Amino acid sequence: MNTSQTLAQMQQLRLMGMQYAYQSQLELPFSHQLEGHELVEHLIQSEITYRGNEKTALLLRTAKLRLSASIPEIECNTVRNISKQQVVLLAEGNYLKQGQNILITGAAVKVS
């Protein structure tokens, strides 16, 4: 089986993460391409990441949020009494893994 058949089968099976990762491996010089178990591991991890990202994107679309926000957009300063370190700590989500709740209080910022 050649690489184009493999890519076509990945697309047919809807393994888009694997397909993209395999294509990027094929574009590398032969001496830099992964082999054997490392390649399989890379392809599987790429598929898991791709599916996770697609699920997140779908959930965000179906949530129909009025405003979009992301971690880098949070204003961290002394006036708001929040630091970058606190935001990074919250973004790691350890409180979720430990089953803890958080409460964030304060005035909301009006967006124009």
Protein backbone atom coordinates (compact mmCIF):
# COMPACT_ATOMS: atom_id res chain seq x y z
CA MET A 1 0.00 0.00 0.00
CA ASN A 2 1.37 3.41 -0.89
CA THR A 3 1.06 6.62 1.06
CA SER A 4 -1.73 8.10 -1.06
CA GLN A 5 -3.87 4.99 -0.44
CA THR A 6 -3.13 5.22 3.28
CA LEU A 7 -4.14 8.89 3.34
CA ALA A 8 -7.32 8.09 1.40
CA GLN A 9 -8.23 5.34 3.85
CA MET A 10 -7.62 7.65 6.80
CA GLN A 11 -9.96 10.17 5.19
CA GLN A 12 -12.54 7.46 4.48
CA LEU A 13 -12.42 6.38 8.13
CA ARG A 14 -12.65 10.03 9.21
CA LEU A 15 -9.30 9.93 10.99
CA MET A 16 -8.55 13.53 10.10
CA GLY A 17 -6.09 14.10 12.95
CA MET A 18 -4.08 11.09 11.84
CA GLN A 19 -4.29 12.15 8.21
CA TYR A 20 -2.95 15.64 8.92
CA ALA A 21 -0.19 14.27 11.15
CA TYR A 22 0.81 11.66 8.56
CA GLN A 23 0.88 14.27 5.80
CA SER A 24 3.12 16.49 7.92
CA GLN A 25 5.44 13.53 8.58
CA LEU A 26 5.67 12.82 4.85
CA GLU A 27 6.68 16.42 4.19
CA LEU A 28 9.70 16.11 6.51
CA PRO A 29 13.07 14.97 5.21
CA PHE A 30 13.30 11.17 5.41
CA SER A 31 15.96 11.36 8.12
CA HIS A 32 13.57 13.37 10.38
CA GLN A 33 10.49 11.18 9.94
CA LEU A 34 9.30 9.06 12.84
CA GLU A 35 9.40 5.29 12.52
CA GLY A 36 7.48 2.32 13.85
CA HIS A 37 6.03 2.69 17.31
CA GLU A 38 6.90 6.38 17.54
CA LEU A 39 4.95 7.09 14.36
CA VAL A 40 1.94 5.10 15.55
CA GLU A 41 2.03 6.88 18.91
CA HIS A 42 2.27 10.27 17.18
CA LEU A 43 -0.65 9.48 14.84
CA ILE A 44 -2.88 8.26 17.67
CA GLN A 45 -2.06 11.27 19.85
CA SER A 46 -2.74 13.59 16.91
CA GLU A 47 -6.15 11.98 16.39
CA ILE A 48 -7.02 12.33 20.08
CA THR A 49 -5.99 16.00 20.05
CA TYR A 50 -7.91 16.66 16.82
CA ARG A 51 -11.09 15.08 18.18
CA GLY A 52 -10.80 16.98 21.44
CA ASN A 53 -10.40 20.27 19.58
CA GLU A 54 -13.34 19.47 17.29
CA LYS A 55 -15.54 18.61 20.29
CA THR A 56 -14.61 21.85 22.02
CA ALA A 57 -15.36 23.84 18.86
CA LEU A 58 -18.74 22.12 18.50
CA LEU A 59 -19.65 22.78 22.13
CA LEU A 60 -18.71 26.44 21.77
CA ARG A 61 -20.81 26.78 18.62
CA THR A 62 -23.84 25.11 20.17
CA ALA A 63 -23.49 27.15 23.39
CA LYS A 64 -24.38 30.27 21.39
CA LEU A 65 -22.45 32.52 23.74
CA ARG A 66 -23.11 36.22 23.24
CA LEU A 67 -19.45 37.10 23.65
CA SER A 68 -16.35 35.05 23.03
CA ALA A 69 -13.50 35.13 25.51
CA SER A 70 -10.25 33.34 25.96
CA ILE A 71 -7.57 33.12 28.63
CA PRO A 72 -5.15 35.52 26.87
CA GLU A 73 -7.91 38.18 26.68
CA ILE A 74 -8.29 38.41 30.47
CA GLU A 75 -7.04 41.74 31.78
CA CYS A 76 -4.70 41.09 34.69
CA ASN A 77 -3.79 44.11 36.79
CA THR A 78 -3.80 45.41 40.33
CA VAL A 79 -7.05 47.34 39.81
CA ARG A 80 -8.86 44.08 39.04
CA ASN A 81 -6.89 42.32 41.80
CA ILE A 82 -5.93 39.37 39.61
CA SER A 83 -2.50 38.30 38.42
CA LYS A 84 -1.36 36.29 35.41
CA GLN A 85 -0.21 33.55 37.79
CA GLN A 86 -3.73 33.21 39.23
CA VAL A 87 -5.23 33.02 35.75
CA VAL A 88 -2.71 30.38 34.65
CA LEU A 89 -3.42 28.37 37.79
CA LEU A 90 -7.17 28.48 37.11
CA ALA A 91 -6.62 27.62 33.44
CA GLU A 92 -4.80 24.42 34.40
CA GLY A 93 -8.11 23.17 35.81
CA ASN A 94 -6.69 21.29 38.78
CA TYR A 95 -9.73 22.35 40.80
CA LEU A 96 -11.90 20.39 38.36
CA LYS A 97 -9.78 17.26 38.68
CA GLN A 98 -10.00 17.53 42.47
CA GLY A 99 -13.77 18.13 42.42
CA GLN A 100 -13.44 21.59 43.98
CA ASN A 101 -15.57 24.64 43.29
CA ILE A 102 -14.37 28.17 42.67
CA LEU A 103 -16.23 31.41 43.16
CA ILE A 104 -15.27 34.50 41.22
CA THR A 105 -16.75 37.77 42.40
CA GLY A 106 -16.47 41.32 41.27
CA ALA A 107 -17.88 43.78 38.81
CA ALA A 108 -18.27 42.70 35.22
CA VAL A 109 -16.58 44.77 32.56
CA LYS A 110 -18.96 46.33 30.07
CA VAL A 111 -18.03 45.58 26.48
CA SER A 112 -18.96 48.20 23.91
